[in-house]
Amino acid sequence: MQSKKKKDVIREEPLTYEDYASLADDGVQYELADGILQAMTPAPHPIHQLVSQELAYQLKQGCKNEYILFVAPIDLILSKHEVRQPDLLLLHTSKSELVTNRGIEGSPDLVVEILSPSSMKRDRKDKLDTYAKYNIPEYWLIDPVQKFLEQYILNEAIYELNEVYMHDETIKSCHIKCAAFSMNTIFNAIPEFPNL
């Protein structure tokens, strides 16, 4: 009886990074949100992938001398109970000690999420709150359908919507000064597909 209670108590405790890292590979990507395992399914839409690739290209071109760029999948370990998988993140070269064998252990300078129907609530609310809690100075949300970028800036532990960029408006950031592209730059590089 006592051993059963002990098992129940252990099962109710939040999962840790070690639990997350020891999961068997079942073909599903997961995040650890405040100790709770969340599946990231279904796989991203093809346009999501193309937007991610083009955004990575633009950031790499402009920021490669100051920042290290990481593209999903990469473990962003914010605490022993919080492991996220952002679509992209930038880490200033002065913070290179945050890169370990396990992933990125600490807060990067920028996190980017590309919205999809299955992740919209998680990206707009859960991740927004999480990234603010761990003092990530800037958070971008990209809508691949409406073709805009929402730029959130951390202000006293809360993200404020700083700007919405569309069309030919050049993205400007007081934190990531090397970023200088427009949403048209991203989307004009993506071909048309007859079945999408």
N, C-alpha and C. Protein backbone atom coordinates (compact mmCIF):
# COMPACT_ATOMS: atom_id res chain seq x y z
N MET A 1 0.82 -1.19 0.00
CA MET A 1 0.00 0.00 0.00
C MET A 1 0.87 1.27 0.00
N GLN A 2 1.91 1.26 0.85
CA GLN A 2 2.77 2.43 0.91
C GLN A 2 3.51 2.64 -0.41
N SER A 3 3.98 1.54 -1.01
CA SER A 3 4.70 1.69 -2.27
C SER A 3 3.80 2.24 -3.37
N LYS A 4 2.51 1.87 -3.36
CA LYS A 4 1.57 2.39 -4.35
C LYS A 4 1.42 3.90 -4.18
N LYS A 5 1.29 4.37 -2.95
CA LYS A 5 1.18 5.81 -2.69
C LYS A 5 2.44 6.53 -3.15
N LYS A 6 3.58 5.95 -2.89
CA LYS A 6 4.84 6.56 -3.32
C LYS A 6 4.88 6.69 -4.84
N LYS A 7 4.44 5.63 -5.53
CA LYS A 7 4.39 5.69 -7.00
C LYS A 7 3.46 6.80 -7.47
N ASP A 8 2.29 6.92 -6.84
CA ASP A 8 1.33 7.95 -7.22
C ASP A 8 1.92 9.34 -7.03
N VAL A 9 2.64 9.54 -5.94
CA VAL A 9 3.26 10.84 -5.67
C VAL A 9 4.31 11.15 -6.74
N ILE A 10 5.11 10.17 -7.08
CA ILE A 10 6.14 10.37 -8.10
C ILE A 10 5.50 10.70 -9.44
N ARG A 11 4.42 10.03 -9.77
CA ARG A 11 3.75 10.26 -11.04
C ARG A 11 3.15 11.66 -11.13
N GLU A 12 2.76 12.22 -9.99
CA GLU A 12 2.13 13.54 -9.99
C GLU A 12 3.14 14.67 -10.03
N GLU A 13 4.41 14.39 -9.79
CA GLU A 13 5.42 15.44 -9.83
C GLU A 13 5.63 15.89 -11.27
N PRO A 14 5.97 17.18 -11.47
CA PRO A 14 6.24 17.64 -12.83
C PRO A 14 7.43 16.90 -13.43
N LEU A 15 7.38 16.69 -14.73
CA LEU A 15 8.50 16.08 -15.42
C LEU A 15 9.67 17.06 -15.47
N THR A 16 10.88 16.52 -15.56
CA THR A 16 12.08 17.34 -15.63
C THR A 16 12.73 17.17 -17.01
N TYR A 17 13.77 17.94 -17.25
CA TYR A 17 14.51 17.80 -18.49
C TYR A 17 15.02 16.36 -18.64
N GLU A 18 15.48 15.76 -17.55
CA GLU A 18 16.01 14.40 -17.60
C GLU A 18 14.93 13.42 -18.07
N ASP A 19 13.69 13.59 -17.57
CA ASP A 19 12.58 12.74 -18.02
C ASP A 19 12.35 12.94 -19.52
N TYR A 20 12.33 14.20 -19.92
CA TYR A 20 12.10 14.57 -21.32
C TYR A 20 13.18 13.97 -22.22
N ALA A 21 14.44 14.09 -21.79
CA ALA A 21 15.56 13.61 -22.60
C ALA A 21 15.60 12.09 -22.70
N SER A 22 15.00 11.40 -21.73
CA SER A 22 15.04 9.94 -21.75
C SER A 22 13.84 9.31 -22.46
N LEU A 23 12.96 10.12 -23.06
CA LEU A 23 11.82 9.57 -23.79
C LEU A 23 12.29 8.73 -24.97
N ALA A 24 11.60 7.65 -25.20
CA ALA A 24 11.89 6.82 -26.38
C ALA A 24 11.48 7.59 -27.63
N ASP A 25 12.23 7.42 -28.70
CA ASP A 25 11.92 8.10 -29.96
C ASP A 25 10.72 7.43 -30.60
N ASP A 26 9.57 8.12 -30.55
CA ASP A 26 8.35 7.58 -31.14
C ASP A 26 7.94 8.34 -32.41
N GLY A 27 8.87 9.19 -32.91
CA GLY A 27 8.59 9.94 -34.12
C GLY A 27 7.83 11.22 -33.89
N VAL A 28 7.47 11.52 -32.64
CA VAL A 28 6.72 12.74 -32.30
C VAL A 28 7.67 13.69 -31.59
N GLN A 29 7.59 14.98 -31.93
CA GLN A 29 8.37 15.98 -31.21
C GLN A 29 7.55 16.47 -30.03
N TYR A 30 8.24 16.70 -28.92
CA TYR A 30 7.58 17.15 -27.69
C TYR A 30 8.24 18.42 -27.17
N GLU A 31 7.48 19.14 -26.34
CA GLU A 31 7.99 20.21 -25.52
C GLU A 31 7.63 19.90 -24.08
N LEU A 32 8.37 20.49 -23.16
CA LEU A 32 8.07 20.35 -21.74
C LEU A 32 7.63 21.72 -21.26
N ALA A 33 6.35 21.85 -20.95
CA ALA A 33 5.76 23.13 -20.56
C ALA A 33 5.40 23.07 -19.08
N ASP A 34 6.24 23.72 -18.26
CA ASP A 34 6.01 23.75 -16.82
C ASP A 34 5.85 22.35 -16.25
N GLY A 35 6.68 21.42 -16.74
CA GLY A 35 6.68 20.06 -16.23
C GLY A 35 5.67 19.14 -16.88
N ILE A 36 4.93 19.63 -17.88
CA ILE A 36 3.91 18.82 -18.56
C ILE A 36 4.36 18.58 -20.00
N LEU A 37 4.36 17.32 -20.40
CA LEU A 37 4.77 16.95 -21.75
C LEU A 37 3.67 17.30 -22.74
N GLN A 38 4.03 18.02 -23.82
CA GLN A 38 3.07 18.39 -24.86
C GLN A 38 3.59 17.91 -26.21
N ALA A 39 2.76 17.18 -26.93
CA ALA A 39 3.12 16.71 -28.28
C ALA A 39 2.96 17.85 -29.26
N MET A 40 3.88 17.94 -30.20
CA MET A 40 3.83 18.95 -31.24
C MET A 40 3.40 18.26 -32.53
N THR A 41 2.12 18.05 -32.69
CA THR A 41 1.61 17.38 -33.88
C THR A 41 0.45 18.19 -34.44
N PRO A 42 0.10 18.07 -35.68
CA PRO A 42 0.81 17.33 -36.72
C PRO A 42 2.06 18.07 -37.18
N ALA A 43 2.77 17.47 -38.11
CA ALA A 43 3.98 18.10 -38.66
C ALA A 43 3.61 19.42 -39.31
N PRO A 44 4.53 20.39 -39.29
CA PRO A 44 4.23 21.70 -39.88
C PRO A 44 3.87 21.62 -41.36
N HIS A 45 3.03 22.54 -41.79
CA HIS A 45 2.61 22.71 -43.18
C HIS A 45 3.83 23.03 -44.04
N PRO A 46 3.84 22.63 -45.30
CA PRO A 46 5.00 22.93 -46.16
C PRO A 46 5.36 24.42 -46.22
N ILE A 47 4.36 25.32 -46.24
CA ILE A 47 4.65 26.75 -46.28
C ILE A 47 5.36 27.18 -45.00
N HIS A 48 4.96 26.61 -43.87
CA HIS A 48 5.63 26.87 -42.59
C HIS A 48 7.13 26.57 -42.72
N GLN A 49 7.45 25.44 -43.33
CA GLN A 49 8.85 25.04 -43.50
C GLN A 49 9.60 26.02 -44.41
N LEU A 50 8.96 26.43 -45.48
CA LEU A 50 9.60 27.34 -46.42
C LEU A 50 9.81 28.73 -45.82
N VAL A 51 8.84 29.20 -45.04
CA VAL A 51 8.98 30.48 -44.35
C VAL A 51 10.15 30.40 -43.38
N SER A 52 10.22 29.30 -42.64
CA SER A 52 11.31 29.10 -41.68
C SER A 52 12.67 29.13 -42.38
N GLN A 53 12.77 28.45 -43.51
CA GLN A 53 14.03 28.41 -44.25
C GLN A 53 14.42 29.80 -44.76
N GLU A 54 13.46 30.53 -45.31
CA GLU A 54 13.77 31.85 -45.87
C GLU A 54 14.10 32.84 -44.76
N LEU A 55 13.38 32.77 -43.65
CA LEU A 55 13.68 33.65 -42.52
C LEU A 55 15.08 33.35 -41.98
N ALA A 56 15.41 32.07 -41.87
CA ALA A 56 16.75 31.68 -41.41
C ALA A 56 17.82 32.23 -42.36
N TYR A 57 17.55 32.16 -43.65
CA TYR A 57 18.50 32.68 -44.63
C TYR A 57 18.70 34.19 -44.44
N GLN A 58 17.60 34.94 -44.29
CA GLN A 58 17.69 36.39 -44.12
C GLN A 58 18.43 36.76 -42.84
N LEU A 59 18.11 36.07 -41.75
CA LEU A 59 18.78 36.36 -40.47
C LEU A 59 20.25 35.97 -40.53
N LYS A 60 20.55 34.88 -41.17
CA LYS A 60 21.94 34.44 -41.30
C LYS A 60 22.75 35.45 -42.11
N GLN A 61 22.17 35.94 -43.21
CA GLN A 61 22.86 36.92 -44.05
C GLN A 61 23.18 38.20 -43.28
N GLY A 62 22.21 38.70 -42.52
CA GLY A 62 22.40 39.98 -41.84
C GLY A 62 23.08 39.89 -40.49
N CYS A 63 22.95 38.77 -39.81
CA CYS A 63 23.36 38.71 -38.41
C CYS A 63 24.49 37.74 -38.10
N LYS A 64 25.07 37.11 -39.10
CA LYS A 64 26.04 36.04 -38.84
C LYS A 64 27.27 36.50 -38.07
N ASN A 65 27.63 37.78 -38.11
CA ASN A 65 28.80 38.25 -37.39
C ASN A 65 28.54 38.51 -35.91
N GLU A 66 27.25 38.65 -35.54
CA GLU A 66 26.91 38.98 -34.15
C GLU A 66 26.14 37.88 -33.43
N TYR A 67 25.40 37.07 -34.19
CA TYR A 67 24.49 36.11 -33.57
C TYR A 67 24.70 34.70 -34.13
N ILE A 68 24.33 33.74 -33.30
CA ILE A 68 24.30 32.34 -33.72
C ILE A 68 22.83 32.00 -33.93
N LEU A 69 22.52 31.45 -35.08
CA LEU A 69 21.15 31.11 -35.44
C LEU A 69 20.91 29.62 -35.26
N PHE A 70 19.79 29.29 -34.61
CA PHE A 70 19.38 27.89 -34.46
C PHE A 70 17.98 27.73 -35.02
N VAL A 71 17.77 26.63 -35.73
CA VAL A 71 16.49 26.33 -36.36
C VAL A 71 15.97 25.01 -35.79
N ALA A 72 14.67 24.90 -35.60
CA ALA A 72 14.05 23.68 -35.06
C ALA A 72 14.44 22.47 -35.89
N PRO A 73 14.60 21.34 -35.23
CA PRO A 73 14.40 21.11 -33.80
C PRO A 73 15.66 21.42 -32.98
N ILE A 74 15.49 22.17 -31.91
CA ILE A 74 16.55 22.45 -30.94
C ILE A 74 15.90 22.61 -29.58
N ASP A 75 16.46 21.97 -28.56
CA ASP A 75 15.92 22.11 -27.21
C ASP A 75 16.36 23.44 -26.62
N LEU A 76 15.39 24.26 -26.28
CA LEU A 76 15.64 25.49 -25.54
C LEU A 76 15.27 25.19 -24.09
N ILE A 77 16.29 24.96 -23.27
CA ILE A 77 16.09 24.53 -21.88
C ILE A 77 16.10 25.77 -21.01
N LEU A 78 14.91 26.17 -20.57
CA LEU A 78 14.76 27.39 -19.78
C LEU A 78 14.79 27.11 -18.29
N SER A 79 14.42 25.91 -17.90
CA SER A 79 14.52 25.45 -16.51
C SER A 79 14.42 23.93 -16.55
N LYS A 80 14.52 23.29 -15.39
CA LYS A 80 14.43 21.82 -15.41
C LYS A 80 13.04 21.33 -15.75
N HIS A 81 12.04 22.22 -15.69
CA HIS A 81 10.66 21.86 -16.03
C HIS A 81 10.16 22.54 -17.31
N GLU A 82 11.02 23.29 -17.99
CA GLU A 82 10.58 24.07 -19.16
C GLU A 82 11.57 23.89 -20.30
N VAL A 83 11.15 23.11 -21.30
CA VAL A 83 11.97 22.87 -22.49
C VAL A 83 11.09 23.14 -23.70
N ARG A 84 11.44 24.12 -24.48
CA ARG A 84 10.66 24.50 -25.66
C ARG A 84 11.43 24.20 -26.93
N GLN A 85 10.68 24.17 -28.03
CA GLN A 85 11.24 23.92 -29.36
C GLN A 85 10.81 25.06 -30.28
N PRO A 86 11.41 26.24 -30.15
CA PRO A 86 11.01 27.34 -31.05
C PRO A 86 11.40 27.04 -32.49
N ASP A 87 10.71 27.69 -33.42
CA ASP A 87 11.03 27.50 -34.83
C ASP A 87 12.42 28.02 -35.15
N LEU A 88 12.75 29.20 -34.62
CA LEU A 88 14.09 29.77 -34.77
C LEU A 88 14.45 30.52 -33.50
N LEU A 89 15.74 30.64 -33.26
CA LEU A 89 16.19 31.50 -32.17
C LEU A 89 17.55 32.07 -32.52
N LEU A 90 17.80 33.27 -32.00
CA LEU A 90 19.10 33.92 -32.16
C LEU A 90 19.73 34.08 -30.80
N LEU A 91 21.02 33.79 -30.75
CA LEU A 91 21.78 33.88 -29.52
C LEU A 91 23.01 34.73 -29.82
N HIS A 92 23.20 35.81 -29.07
CA HIS A 92 24.37 36.67 -29.29
C HIS A 92 25.64 35.87 -29.05
N THR A 93 26.67 36.14 -29.82
CA THR A 93 27.92 35.39 -29.71
C THR A 93 28.54 35.50 -28.31
N SER A 94 28.24 36.56 -27.58
CA SER A 94 28.77 36.71 -26.22
C SER A 94 28.15 35.72 -25.25
N LYS A 95 27.08 35.04 -25.65
CA LYS A 95 26.40 34.07 -24.80
C LYS A 95 26.65 32.64 -25.26
N SER A 96 27.75 32.41 -25.95
CA SER A 96 28.00 31.08 -26.52
C SER A 96 28.10 29.98 -25.47
N GLU A 97 28.34 30.34 -24.20
CA GLU A 97 28.40 29.31 -23.15
C GLU A 97 27.05 28.67 -22.90
N LEU A 98 25.97 29.27 -23.40
CA LEU A 98 24.63 28.68 -23.25
C LEU A 98 24.43 27.48 -24.17
N VAL A 99 25.29 27.32 -25.16
CA VAL A 99 25.20 26.18 -26.08
C VAL A 99 25.92 24.99 -25.43
N THR A 100 25.16 23.91 -25.18
CA THR A 100 25.71 22.72 -24.55
C THR A 100 25.37 21.48 -25.36
N ASN A 101 25.80 20.34 -24.90
CA ASN A 101 25.45 19.08 -25.56
C ASN A 101 23.96 18.81 -25.50
N ARG A 102 23.26 19.42 -24.56
CA ARG A 102 21.82 19.18 -24.41
C ARG A 102 20.98 20.12 -25.27
N GLY A 103 21.50 21.27 -25.64
CA GLY A 103 20.75 22.25 -26.41
C GLY A 103 21.19 23.64 -26.04
N ILE A 104 20.24 24.57 -25.98
CA ILE A 104 20.51 25.93 -25.53
C ILE A 104 19.99 26.00 -24.10
N GLU A 105 20.87 26.28 -23.15
CA GLU A 105 20.48 26.28 -21.73
C GLU A 105 20.50 27.70 -21.20
N GLY A 106 19.38 28.38 -21.36
CA GLY A 106 19.25 29.76 -20.93
C GLY A 106 18.49 30.55 -21.97
N SER A 107 18.33 31.84 -21.70
CA SER A 107 17.49 32.70 -22.55
C SER A 107 18.26 33.27 -23.73
N PRO A 108 17.78 33.02 -24.94
CA PRO A 108 18.39 33.63 -26.12
C PRO A 108 17.94 35.09 -26.25
N ASP A 109 18.38 35.74 -27.32
CA ASP A 109 18.04 37.15 -27.54
C ASP A 109 16.75 37.32 -28.33
N LEU A 110 16.41 36.33 -29.13
CA LEU A 110 15.20 36.38 -29.95
C LEU A 110 14.68 34.97 -30.13
N VAL A 111 13.36 34.83 -30.02
CA VAL A 111 12.69 33.57 -30.34
C VAL A 111 11.64 33.89 -31.40
N VAL A 112 11.53 33.00 -32.39
CA VAL A 112 10.55 33.17 -33.47
C VAL A 112 9.68 31.93 -33.55
N GLU A 113 8.38 32.14 -33.62
CA GLU A 113 7.42 31.05 -33.86
C GLU A 113 6.62 31.39 -35.11
N ILE A 114 6.44 30.39 -35.95
CA ILE A 114 5.63 30.53 -37.16
C ILE A 114 4.30 29.85 -36.87
N LEU A 115 3.23 30.62 -36.97
CA LEU A 115 1.91 30.12 -36.59
C LEU A 115 1.41 29.03 -37.53
N SER A 116 0.72 28.07 -36.95
CA SER A 116 -0.03 27.09 -37.71
C SER A 116 -1.31 26.83 -36.93
N PRO A 117 -2.37 26.33 -37.59
CA PRO A 117 -3.63 26.14 -36.88
C PRO A 117 -3.50 25.29 -35.62
N SER A 118 -2.64 24.28 -35.65
CA SER A 118 -2.51 23.40 -34.49
C SER A 118 -1.71 24.01 -33.35
N SER A 119 -0.96 25.09 -33.61
CA SER A 119 -0.11 25.67 -32.57
C SER A 119 -0.48 27.10 -32.20
N MET A 120 -1.55 27.64 -32.79
CA MET A 120 -1.84 29.06 -32.62
C MET A 120 -2.04 29.47 -31.17
N LYS A 121 -2.85 28.72 -30.43
CA LYS A 121 -3.08 29.08 -29.03
C LYS A 121 -1.80 28.96 -28.22
N ARG A 122 -1.06 27.90 -28.45
CA ARG A 122 0.19 27.67 -27.73
C ARG A 122 1.18 28.81 -28.00
N ASP A 123 1.30 29.22 -29.27
CA ASP A 123 2.26 30.26 -29.63
C ASP A 123 1.83 31.64 -29.15
N ARG A 124 0.53 31.93 -29.26
CA ARG A 124 0.04 33.27 -28.91
C ARG A 124 -0.12 33.50 -27.41
N LYS A 125 -0.33 32.45 -26.64
CA LYS A 125 -0.56 32.62 -25.21
C LYS A 125 0.50 31.90 -24.38
N ASP A 126 0.56 30.57 -24.49
CA ASP A 126 1.45 29.80 -23.61
C ASP A 126 2.92 30.17 -23.80
N LYS A 127 3.36 30.17 -25.05
CA LYS A 127 4.77 30.48 -25.29
C LYS A 127 5.07 31.95 -25.04
N LEU A 128 4.14 32.81 -25.38
CA LEU A 128 4.33 34.23 -25.11
C LEU A 128 4.57 34.45 -23.62
N ASP A 129 3.75 33.82 -22.78
CA ASP A 129 3.92 33.94 -21.33
C ASP A 129 5.22 33.31 -20.85
N THR A 130 5.55 32.14 -21.39
CA THR A 130 6.76 31.43 -20.99
C THR A 130 8.00 32.23 -21.36
N TYR A 131 8.09 32.69 -22.60
CA TYR A 131 9.28 33.42 -23.04
C TYR A 131 9.44 34.73 -22.27
N ALA A 132 8.34 35.37 -21.90
CA ALA A 132 8.41 36.57 -21.06
C ALA A 132 8.92 36.22 -19.67
N LYS A 133 8.42 35.13 -19.12
CA LYS A 133 8.83 34.70 -17.78
C LYS A 133 10.34 34.48 -17.70
N TYR A 134 10.93 33.99 -18.79
CA TYR A 134 12.37 33.71 -18.80
C TYR A 134 13.18 34.83 -19.45
N ASN A 135 12.60 36.02 -19.52
CA ASN A 135 13.31 37.25 -19.90
C ASN A 135 13.97 37.22 -21.27
N ILE A 136 13.28 36.64 -22.24
CA ILE A 136 13.77 36.70 -23.62
C ILE A 136 13.34 38.06 -24.16
N PRO A 137 14.29 38.93 -24.53
CA PRO A 137 13.96 40.32 -24.83
C PRO A 137 13.00 40.55 -26.01
N GLU A 138 13.00 39.62 -26.97
CA GLU A 138 12.16 39.85 -28.15
C GLU A 138 11.57 38.53 -28.64
N TYR A 139 10.31 38.62 -29.08
CA TYR A 139 9.56 37.45 -29.56
C TYR A 139 8.84 37.85 -30.82
N TRP A 140 9.05 37.07 -31.88
CA TRP A 140 8.36 37.32 -33.14
C TRP A 140 7.38 36.19 -33.42
N LEU A 141 6.18 36.57 -33.85
CA LEU A 141 5.19 35.61 -34.35
C LEU A 141 4.97 35.92 -35.82
N ILE A 142 5.07 34.90 -36.65
CA ILE A 142 4.85 35.10 -38.08
C ILE A 142 3.62 34.33 -38.50
N ASP A 143 2.72 35.02 -39.18
CA ASP A 143 1.52 34.40 -39.72
C ASP A 143 1.77 34.13 -41.20
N PRO A 144 1.93 32.85 -41.59
CA PRO A 144 2.25 32.54 -42.98
C PRO A 144 1.06 32.64 -43.92
N VAL A 145 -0.15 32.74 -43.37
CA VAL A 145 -1.34 32.88 -44.21
C VAL A 145 -1.59 34.36 -44.52
N GLN A 146 -1.63 35.18 -43.48
CA GLN A 146 -1.85 36.62 -43.65
C GLN A 146 -0.56 37.37 -44.00
N LYS A 147 0.56 36.69 -43.86
CA LYS A 147 1.87 37.21 -44.27
C LYS A 147 2.29 38.46 -43.49
N PHE A 148 2.23 38.36 -42.17
CA PHE A 148 2.73 39.46 -41.34
C PHE A 148 3.54 38.92 -40.18
N LEU A 149 4.32 39.83 -39.59
CA LEU A 149 5.16 39.51 -38.44
C LEU A 149 4.75 40.42 -37.29
N GLU A 150 4.43 39.83 -36.14
CA GLU A 150 4.15 40.59 -34.93
C GLU A 150 5.42 40.59 -34.10
N GLN A 151 5.86 41.78 -33.73
CA GLN A 151 7.08 41.93 -32.94
C GLN A 151 6.71 42.31 -31.50
N TYR A 152 7.08 41.43 -30.57
CA TYR A 152 6.82 41.68 -29.15
C TYR A 152 8.14 42.00 -28.46
N ILE A 153 8.12 43.06 -27.66
CA ILE A 153 9.29 43.49 -26.90
C ILE A 153 8.99 43.34 -25.42
N LEU A 154 9.94 42.80 -24.68
CA LEU A 154 9.76 42.60 -23.25
C LEU A 154 9.88 43.94 -22.53
N ASN A 155 8.87 44.22 -21.70
CA ASN A 155 8.86 45.44 -20.91
C ASN A 155 8.41 45.07 -19.50
N GLU A 156 9.37 45.07 -18.56
CA GLU A 156 9.08 44.73 -17.17
C GLU A 156 8.36 43.38 -17.05
N ALA A 157 8.94 42.37 -17.66
CA ALA A 157 8.49 40.97 -17.58
C ALA A 157 7.18 40.69 -18.32
N ILE A 158 6.74 41.62 -19.15
CA ILE A 158 5.53 41.42 -19.96
C ILE A 158 5.84 41.83 -21.40
N TYR A 159 5.40 41.00 -22.34
CA TYR A 159 5.58 41.38 -23.74
C TYR A 159 4.53 42.39 -24.15
N GLU A 160 5.00 43.39 -24.88
CA GLU A 160 4.11 44.38 -25.48
C GLU A 160 4.26 44.27 -26.99
N LEU A 161 3.14 44.32 -27.69
CA LEU A 161 3.19 44.31 -29.15
C LEU A 161 3.79 45.63 -29.60
N ASN A 162 4.97 45.57 -30.17
CA ASN A 162 5.69 46.78 -30.57
C ASN A 162 5.30 47.21 -31.97
N GLU A 163 5.19 46.23 -32.88
CA GLU A 163 4.92 46.56 -34.28
C GLU A 163 4.38 45.34 -35.00
N VAL A 164 3.61 45.59 -36.05
CA VAL A 164 3.17 44.54 -36.97
C VAL A 164 3.73 44.92 -38.34
N TYR A 165 4.53 44.04 -38.90
CA TYR A 165 5.18 44.31 -40.19
C TYR A 165 4.48 43.53 -41.29
N MET A 166 4.19 44.24 -42.38
CA MET A 166 3.55 43.64 -43.55
C MET A 166 4.23 44.16 -44.81
N HIS A 167 4.01 43.47 -45.89
CA HIS A 167 4.41 43.91 -47.22
C HIS A 167 5.89 44.29 -47.29
N ASP A 168 6.15 45.57 -47.67
CA ASP A 168 7.53 46.03 -47.88
C ASP A 168 8.12 46.75 -46.67
N GLU A 169 7.43 46.75 -45.54
CA GLU A 169 7.95 47.44 -44.35
C GLU A 169 9.18 46.68 -43.83
N THR A 170 10.27 47.40 -43.68
CA THR A 170 11.50 46.77 -43.20
C THR A 170 11.42 46.54 -41.70
N ILE A 171 11.69 45.33 -41.30
CA ILE A 171 11.66 44.96 -39.89
C ILE A 171 12.84 45.63 -39.21
N LYS A 172 12.54 46.32 -38.10
CA LYS A 172 13.57 47.00 -37.32
C LYS A 172 13.46 46.54 -35.89
N SER A 173 14.61 46.37 -35.26
CA SER A 173 14.63 45.91 -33.88
C SER A 173 15.73 46.63 -33.11
N CYS A 174 15.39 47.15 -31.94
CA CYS A 174 16.42 47.79 -31.13
C CYS A 174 17.34 46.74 -30.49
N HIS A 175 16.89 45.49 -30.42
CA HIS A 175 17.73 44.41 -29.87
C HIS A 175 18.53 43.70 -30.96
N ILE A 176 17.87 43.44 -32.08
CA ILE A 176 18.50 42.70 -33.17
C ILE A 176 18.68 43.68 -34.33
N LYS A 177 19.65 44.56 -34.21
CA LYS A 177 19.83 45.64 -35.19
C LYS A 177 20.23 45.14 -36.57
N CYS A 178 20.77 43.93 -36.62
CA CYS A 178 21.21 43.37 -37.90
C CYS A 178 20.05 42.84 -38.74
N ALA A 179 18.85 42.75 -38.17
CA ALA A 179 17.69 42.28 -38.93
C ALA A 179 17.19 43.41 -39.82
N ALA A 180 17.12 43.18 -41.10
CA ALA A 180 16.68 44.21 -42.04
C ALA A 180 16.12 43.55 -43.30
N PHE A 181 14.88 43.12 -43.24
CA PHE A 181 14.21 42.50 -44.38
C PHE A 181 12.73 42.80 -44.22
N SER A 182 11.97 42.51 -45.25
CA SER A 182 10.52 42.72 -45.21
C SER A 182 9.81 41.38 -45.35
N MET A 183 8.53 41.36 -45.08
CA MET A 183 7.76 40.15 -45.28
C MET A 183 7.67 39.82 -46.76
N ASN A 184 7.64 40.82 -47.63
CA ASN A 184 7.67 40.55 -49.07
C ASN A 184 8.96 39.83 -49.46
N THR A 185 10.07 40.20 -48.82
CA THR A 185 11.34 39.52 -49.10
C THR A 185 11.21 38.03 -48.81
N ILE A 186 10.54 37.71 -47.68
CA ILE A 186 10.36 36.31 -47.29
C ILE A 186 9.42 35.60 -48.27
N PHE A 187 8.24 36.18 -48.47
CA PHE A 187 7.20 35.47 -49.22
C PHE A 187 7.42 35.49 -50.73
N ASN A 188 8.11 36.49 -51.25
CA ASN A 188 8.41 36.50 -52.69
C ASN A 188 9.41 35.42 -53.07
N ALA A 189 10.15 34.92 -52.09
CA ALA A 189 11.13 33.87 -52.35
C ALA A 189 10.50 32.47 -52.33
N ILE A 190 9.23 32.40 -51.94
CA ILE A 190 8.54 31.11 -51.85
C ILE A 190 7.71 30.90 -53.11
N PRO A 191 7.93 29.79 -53.82
CA PRO A 191 7.18 29.58 -55.07
C PRO A 191 5.70 29.29 -54.80
N GLU A 192 4.91 29.46 -55.84
CA GLU A 192 3.49 29.09 -55.79
C GLU A 192 3.37 27.58 -55.99
N PHE A 193 2.45 26.98 -55.27
CA PHE A 193 2.22 25.55 -55.40
C PHE A 193 0.74 25.32 -55.78
N PRO A 194 0.49 24.56 -56.83
CA PRO A 194 -0.88 24.40 -57.30
C PRO A 194 -1.81 23.70 -56.31
N ASN A 195 -1.28 22.88 -55.43
CA ASN A 195 -2.14 22.12 -54.52
C ASN A 195 -2.19 22.66 -53.09
N LEU A 196 -1.66 23.87 -52.88
CA LEU A 196 -1.71 24.48 -51.55
C LEU A 196 -2.70 25.63 -51.52
